[in-house]
């Protein structure tokens, strides 16, 4: 099992959710985060003055999936979150050792 974590533009969240749901992937955790990449922020105009914003709002999507679902999910995320501009985001994949339910004693141990 793997955790797939994607950091995307907030305005692309609905597109990403719809694309994942269309392929049968419903379970996810969504968090509002802030960050910056290689561009080190952006400059905005406010009341005639330039303001540097170095922590840009982003949306983080986290999913725990089977190993066989990782590649299809990466492709769905790329196709639905891409604008072609800097700041589109990144996808990270991590191994998961154990998934333990809180409600009962169910556990899934990854091989």
N, C-alpha and C. Protein backbone atom coordinates (compact mmCIF):
# COMPACT_ATOMS: atom_id res chain seq x y z
N UNK A 1 0.84 -1.18 0.00
CA UNK A 1 0.00 0.00 0.00
C UNK A 1 0.88 1.24 0.00
N UNK A 2 0.32 2.31 -0.55
CA UNK A 2 1.06 3.57 -0.67
C UNK A 2 0.17 4.74 -0.28
N UNK A 3 0.81 5.82 0.17
CA UNK A 3 0.15 7.10 0.34
C UNK A 3 0.53 7.95 -0.86
N UNK A 4 -0.47 8.47 -1.55
CA UNK A 4 -0.24 9.41 -2.64
C UNK A 4 -0.65 10.78 -2.12
N UNK A 5 0.29 11.71 -2.12
CA UNK A 5 0.04 13.06 -1.64
C UNK A 5 0.28 14.02 -2.80
N UNK A 6 -0.71 14.84 -3.11
CA UNK A 6 -0.58 15.82 -4.19
C UNK A 6 -0.81 17.21 -3.63
N UNK A 7 0.06 18.13 -3.99
CA UNK A 7 -0.09 19.54 -3.63
C UNK A 7 -0.43 20.26 -4.93
N UNK A 8 -1.65 20.84 -4.99
CA UNK A 8 -2.16 21.41 -6.24
C UNK A 8 -2.67 22.83 -6.01
N UNK A 9 -3.02 23.49 -7.11
CA UNK A 9 -3.66 24.80 -7.03
C UNK A 9 -5.08 24.63 -6.46
N UNK A 10 -5.50 25.50 -5.55
CA UNK A 10 -6.84 25.36 -4.94
C UNK A 10 -7.97 25.37 -5.97
N UNK A 11 -7.83 26.14 -7.02
CA UNK A 11 -8.90 26.24 -8.02
C UNK A 11 -9.06 24.97 -8.86
N UNK A 12 -8.11 24.04 -8.76
CA UNK A 12 -8.19 22.78 -9.51
C UNK A 12 -8.79 21.63 -8.69
N UNK A 13 -9.12 21.87 -7.44
CA UNK A 13 -9.61 20.81 -6.56
C UNK A 13 -10.86 20.14 -7.12
N UNK A 14 -11.84 20.90 -7.55
CA UNK A 14 -13.10 20.30 -8.03
C UNK A 14 -12.86 19.47 -9.29
N UNK A 15 -11.98 19.92 -10.18
CA UNK A 15 -11.63 19.15 -11.37
C UNK A 15 -10.98 17.82 -10.99
N UNK A 16 -10.06 17.88 -10.02
CA UNK A 16 -9.35 16.68 -9.58
C UNK A 16 -10.31 15.70 -8.92
N UNK A 17 -11.16 16.20 -8.03
CA UNK A 17 -12.14 15.33 -7.36
C UNK A 17 -13.05 14.64 -8.37
N UNK A 18 -13.55 15.39 -9.34
CA UNK A 18 -14.44 14.83 -10.36
C UNK A 18 -13.73 13.76 -11.18
N UNK A 19 -12.48 14.00 -11.56
CA UNK A 19 -11.72 13.03 -12.35
C UNK A 19 -11.44 11.76 -11.56
N UNK A 20 -11.10 11.90 -10.27
CA UNK A 20 -10.86 10.73 -9.43
C UNK A 20 -12.14 9.92 -9.22
N UNK A 21 -13.24 10.62 -8.95
CA UNK A 21 -14.52 9.94 -8.74
C UNK A 21 -14.97 9.19 -9.99
N UNK A 22 -14.73 9.78 -11.15
CA UNK A 22 -15.11 9.15 -12.42
C UNK A 22 -14.44 7.79 -12.59
N UNK A 23 -13.23 7.65 -12.04
CA UNK A 23 -12.48 6.39 -12.16
C UNK A 23 -12.65 5.50 -10.92
N UNK A 24 -13.52 5.92 -9.98
CA UNK A 24 -13.83 5.07 -8.84
C UNK A 24 -12.99 5.31 -7.60
N UNK A 25 -12.25 6.40 -7.54
CA UNK A 25 -11.44 6.73 -6.36
C UNK A 25 -12.16 7.83 -5.59
N UNK A 26 -12.73 7.47 -4.43
CA UNK A 26 -13.53 8.41 -3.66
C UNK A 26 -12.86 8.88 -2.37
N UNK A 27 -12.11 8.00 -1.70
CA UNK A 27 -11.55 8.30 -0.39
C UNK A 27 -10.33 9.20 -0.51
N UNK A 28 -10.36 10.32 0.21
CA UNK A 28 -9.23 11.25 0.22
C UNK A 28 -9.35 12.18 1.41
N UNK A 29 -8.24 12.74 1.81
CA UNK A 29 -8.21 13.79 2.82
C UNK A 29 -7.71 15.05 2.13
N UNK A 30 -8.41 16.16 2.30
CA UNK A 30 -8.05 17.41 1.65
C UNK A 30 -7.73 18.44 2.72
N UNK A 31 -6.58 19.11 2.56
CA UNK A 31 -6.12 20.10 3.53
C UNK A 31 -5.70 21.36 2.81
N UNK A 32 -6.05 22.52 3.37
CA UNK A 32 -5.56 23.79 2.84
C UNK A 32 -4.18 24.05 3.45
N UNK A 33 -3.19 24.27 2.59
CA UNK A 33 -1.82 24.49 3.04
C UNK A 33 -1.25 25.73 2.35
N UNK A 34 -0.08 26.15 2.79
CA UNK A 34 0.65 27.24 2.13
C UNK A 34 2.07 26.75 1.86
N UNK A 35 2.64 27.24 0.79
CA UNK A 35 4.01 26.84 0.49
C UNK A 35 4.57 27.66 -0.65
N UNK A 36 5.78 27.32 -1.02
CA UNK A 36 6.41 27.98 -2.16
C UNK A 36 7.37 27.01 -2.81
N UNK A 37 7.59 27.22 -4.08
CA UNK A 37 8.48 26.35 -4.83
C UNK A 37 9.71 27.09 -5.29
N UNK A 38 10.25 26.66 -6.39
CA UNK A 38 11.49 27.24 -6.91
C UNK A 38 11.35 28.71 -7.29
N UNK A 39 10.12 29.16 -7.61
CA UNK A 39 9.93 30.56 -8.00
C UNK A 39 10.00 31.50 -6.80
N UNK A 40 10.03 30.95 -5.58
CA UNK A 40 10.18 31.74 -4.34
C UNK A 40 9.08 32.76 -4.14
N UNK A 41 7.86 32.43 -4.54
CA UNK A 41 6.74 33.34 -4.34
C UNK A 41 6.42 34.14 -5.57
N UNK A 42 5.46 35.07 -5.41
CA UNK A 42 5.03 35.90 -6.52
C UNK A 42 4.92 37.34 -6.07
N UNK A 43 4.89 38.27 -7.02
CA UNK A 43 4.68 39.69 -6.73
C UNK A 43 3.28 40.08 -7.18
N UNK A 44 2.54 40.75 -6.31
CA UNK A 44 1.19 41.21 -6.61
C UNK A 44 1.12 42.72 -6.51
N UNK A 45 0.18 43.33 -7.21
CA UNK A 45 -0.07 44.76 -7.11
C UNK A 45 -1.21 44.99 -6.14
N UNK A 46 -1.02 45.85 -5.15
CA UNK A 46 -2.08 46.19 -4.21
C UNK A 46 -2.03 47.68 -3.95
N UNK A 47 -3.08 48.39 -4.34
CA UNK A 47 -3.18 49.85 -4.19
C UNK A 47 -1.95 50.55 -4.77
N UNK A 48 -1.55 50.10 -5.94
CA UNK A 48 -0.45 50.75 -6.65
C UNK A 48 0.94 50.35 -6.20
N UNK A 49 1.05 49.51 -5.19
CA UNK A 49 2.36 49.08 -4.71
C UNK A 49 2.54 47.60 -4.98
N UNK A 50 3.80 47.23 -5.20
CA UNK A 50 4.10 45.82 -5.41
C UNK A 50 4.36 45.16 -4.06
N UNK A 51 3.71 44.01 -3.86
CA UNK A 51 3.86 43.25 -2.62
C UNK A 51 4.35 41.86 -2.97
N UNK A 52 5.39 41.41 -2.28
CA UNK A 52 5.91 40.06 -2.51
C UNK A 52 5.17 39.09 -1.59
N UNK A 53 4.59 38.07 -2.20
CA UNK A 53 3.90 37.01 -1.45
C UNK A 53 4.73 35.75 -1.62
N UNK A 54 5.37 35.31 -0.54
CA UNK A 54 6.26 34.15 -0.69
C UNK A 54 5.67 32.84 -0.20
N UNK A 55 4.50 32.90 0.44
CA UNK A 55 3.80 31.67 0.84
C UNK A 55 2.45 31.67 0.12
N UNK A 56 2.33 30.79 -0.87
CA UNK A 56 1.17 30.77 -1.74
C UNK A 56 0.18 29.70 -1.27
N UNK A 57 -1.12 30.02 -1.22
CA UNK A 57 -2.11 29.01 -0.82
C UNK A 57 -2.15 27.85 -1.81
N UNK A 58 -2.17 26.64 -1.27
CA UNK A 58 -2.25 25.42 -2.06
C UNK A 58 -3.25 24.48 -1.40
N UNK A 59 -3.61 23.42 -2.11
CA UNK A 59 -4.48 22.39 -1.57
C UNK A 59 -3.73 21.07 -1.62
N UNK A 60 -3.77 20.34 -0.51
CA UNK A 60 -3.09 19.05 -0.42
C UNK A 60 -4.14 17.94 -0.39
N UNK A 61 -3.97 16.97 -1.27
CA UNK A 61 -4.86 15.80 -1.32
C UNK A 61 -4.03 14.59 -0.93
N UNK A 62 -4.55 13.82 0.01
CA UNK A 62 -3.83 12.63 0.47
C UNK A 62 -4.74 11.41 0.33
N UNK A 63 -4.20 10.34 -0.25
CA UNK A 63 -4.96 9.11 -0.48
C UNK A 63 -4.09 7.91 -0.14
N UNK A 64 -4.65 6.91 0.52
CA UNK A 64 -3.95 5.65 0.76
C UNK A 64 -4.58 4.63 -0.18
N UNK A 65 -3.74 4.05 -1.05
CA UNK A 65 -4.24 3.17 -2.10
C UNK A 65 -3.35 1.94 -2.24
N UNK A 66 -3.85 0.95 -2.96
CA UNK A 66 -3.06 -0.23 -3.27
C UNK A 66 -1.95 0.12 -4.25
N UNK A 67 -0.90 -0.68 -4.25
CA UNK A 67 0.24 -0.42 -5.13
C UNK A 67 -0.17 -0.31 -6.60
N UNK A 68 -1.13 -1.13 -7.01
CA UNK A 68 -1.55 -1.16 -8.41
C UNK A 68 -2.31 0.11 -8.83
N UNK A 69 -2.78 0.90 -7.86
CA UNK A 69 -3.54 2.11 -8.16
C UNK A 69 -2.68 3.37 -8.24
N UNK A 70 -1.42 3.28 -7.87
CA UNK A 70 -0.57 4.47 -7.81
C UNK A 70 -0.41 5.13 -9.17
N UNK A 71 0.00 4.38 -10.18
CA UNK A 71 0.23 4.96 -11.52
C UNK A 71 -1.04 5.55 -12.13
N UNK A 72 -2.18 4.84 -12.08
CA UNK A 72 -3.40 5.46 -12.62
C UNK A 72 -3.77 6.76 -11.89
N UNK A 73 -3.59 6.79 -10.58
CA UNK A 73 -3.92 8.00 -9.83
C UNK A 73 -2.98 9.14 -10.19
N UNK A 74 -1.71 8.86 -10.35
CA UNK A 74 -0.76 9.90 -10.76
C UNK A 74 -1.18 10.49 -12.10
N UNK A 75 -1.58 9.66 -13.04
CA UNK A 75 -2.00 10.16 -14.36
C UNK A 75 -3.28 10.99 -14.26
N UNK A 76 -4.22 10.55 -13.43
CA UNK A 76 -5.45 11.33 -13.22
C UNK A 76 -5.12 12.69 -12.62
N UNK A 77 -4.26 12.70 -11.61
CA UNK A 77 -3.87 13.96 -10.97
C UNK A 77 -3.17 14.89 -11.96
N UNK A 78 -2.24 14.36 -12.72
CA UNK A 78 -1.52 15.19 -13.71
C UNK A 78 -2.49 15.79 -14.72
N UNK A 79 -3.35 14.97 -15.27
CA UNK A 79 -4.25 15.44 -16.34
C UNK A 79 -5.30 16.43 -15.84
N UNK A 80 -5.77 16.26 -14.61
CA UNK A 80 -6.85 17.12 -14.12
C UNK A 80 -6.35 18.36 -13.37
N UNK A 81 -5.11 18.36 -12.89
CA UNK A 81 -4.60 19.51 -12.12
C UNK A 81 -3.67 20.41 -12.94
N UNK A 82 -3.28 19.99 -14.11
CA UNK A 82 -2.29 20.72 -14.92
C UNK A 82 -2.89 21.96 -15.57
N UNK A 83 -2.17 23.08 -15.42
CA UNK A 83 -2.48 24.31 -16.17
C UNK A 83 -1.35 24.62 -17.15
N UNK A 84 -0.18 24.03 -16.92
CA UNK A 84 0.97 24.30 -17.77
C UNK A 84 1.81 25.47 -17.29
N UNK A 85 1.47 26.02 -16.13
CA UNK A 85 2.19 27.17 -15.58
C UNK A 85 2.97 26.74 -14.33
N UNK A 86 3.96 27.57 -13.95
CA UNK A 86 4.68 27.31 -12.71
C UNK A 86 3.68 27.30 -11.56
N UNK A 87 3.90 26.43 -10.59
CA UNK A 87 3.02 26.37 -9.42
C UNK A 87 1.89 25.37 -9.55
N UNK A 88 1.91 24.52 -10.58
CA UNK A 88 0.87 23.51 -10.73
C UNK A 88 0.90 22.48 -9.60
N UNK A 89 2.06 22.26 -9.01
CA UNK A 89 2.15 21.38 -7.85
C UNK A 89 3.06 20.19 -8.05
N UNK A 90 3.01 19.28 -7.07
CA UNK A 90 3.84 18.08 -7.06
C UNK A 90 3.02 16.92 -6.51
N UNK A 91 3.48 15.70 -6.85
CA UNK A 91 2.87 14.47 -6.34
C UNK A 91 3.97 13.68 -5.64
N UNK A 92 3.68 13.21 -4.43
CA UNK A 92 4.62 12.43 -3.65
C UNK A 92 4.00 11.07 -3.33
N UNK A 93 4.81 10.02 -3.34
CA UNK A 93 4.32 8.68 -3.03
C UNK A 93 5.18 8.10 -1.91
N UNK A 94 4.51 7.60 -0.85
CA UNK A 94 5.19 7.05 0.32
C UNK A 94 4.67 5.65 0.60
N UNK A 95 5.51 4.78 1.14
CA UNK A 95 5.01 3.45 1.55
C UNK A 95 4.17 3.55 2.82
N UNK A 96 3.19 2.64 2.95
CA UNK A 96 2.36 2.53 4.15
C UNK A 96 2.58 1.15 4.73
N UNK A 97 2.92 1.07 6.01
CA UNK A 97 3.18 -0.22 6.65
C UNK A 97 1.93 -0.85 7.23
N UNK A 98 1.14 -0.05 7.97
CA UNK A 98 -0.05 -0.58 8.64
C UNK A 98 -1.17 0.45 8.53
N UNK A 99 -2.40 -0.05 8.29
CA UNK A 99 -3.59 0.78 8.37
C UNK A 99 -4.45 0.16 9.47
N UNK A 100 -4.68 0.92 10.55
CA UNK A 100 -5.44 0.43 11.69
C UNK A 100 -6.70 1.26 11.85
N UNK A 101 -7.87 0.60 11.91
CA UNK A 101 -9.14 1.29 12.10
C UNK A 101 -9.28 1.73 13.55
N UNK A 102 -9.93 2.84 13.77
CA UNK A 102 -10.18 3.34 15.12
C UNK A 102 -11.47 2.73 15.67
N UNK A 103 -12.50 2.61 14.84
CA UNK A 103 -13.82 2.13 15.27
C UNK A 103 -13.79 0.70 15.79
N UNK A 104 -12.98 -0.14 15.16
CA UNK A 104 -12.90 -1.55 15.59
C UNK A 104 -11.42 -1.98 15.54
N UNK A 105 -11.17 -3.25 15.65
CA UNK A 105 -9.78 -3.73 15.71
C UNK A 105 -9.24 -4.15 14.35
N UNK A 106 -9.88 -3.72 13.27
CA UNK A 106 -9.38 -4.09 11.94
C UNK A 106 -8.00 -3.49 11.68
N UNK A 107 -7.14 -4.28 11.08
CA UNK A 107 -5.81 -3.83 10.67
C UNK A 107 -5.45 -4.43 9.33
N UNK A 108 -4.79 -3.64 8.52
CA UNK A 108 -4.23 -4.13 7.26
C UNK A 108 -2.74 -3.90 7.35
N UNK A 109 -1.97 -4.97 7.21
CA UNK A 109 -0.51 -4.88 7.26
C UNK A 109 0.00 -5.04 5.84
N UNK A 110 0.77 -4.04 5.40
CA UNK A 110 1.30 -4.06 4.04
C UNK A 110 2.46 -5.06 3.96
N UNK A 111 2.57 -5.71 2.84
CA UNK A 111 3.62 -6.72 2.65
C UNK A 111 4.91 -6.09 2.19
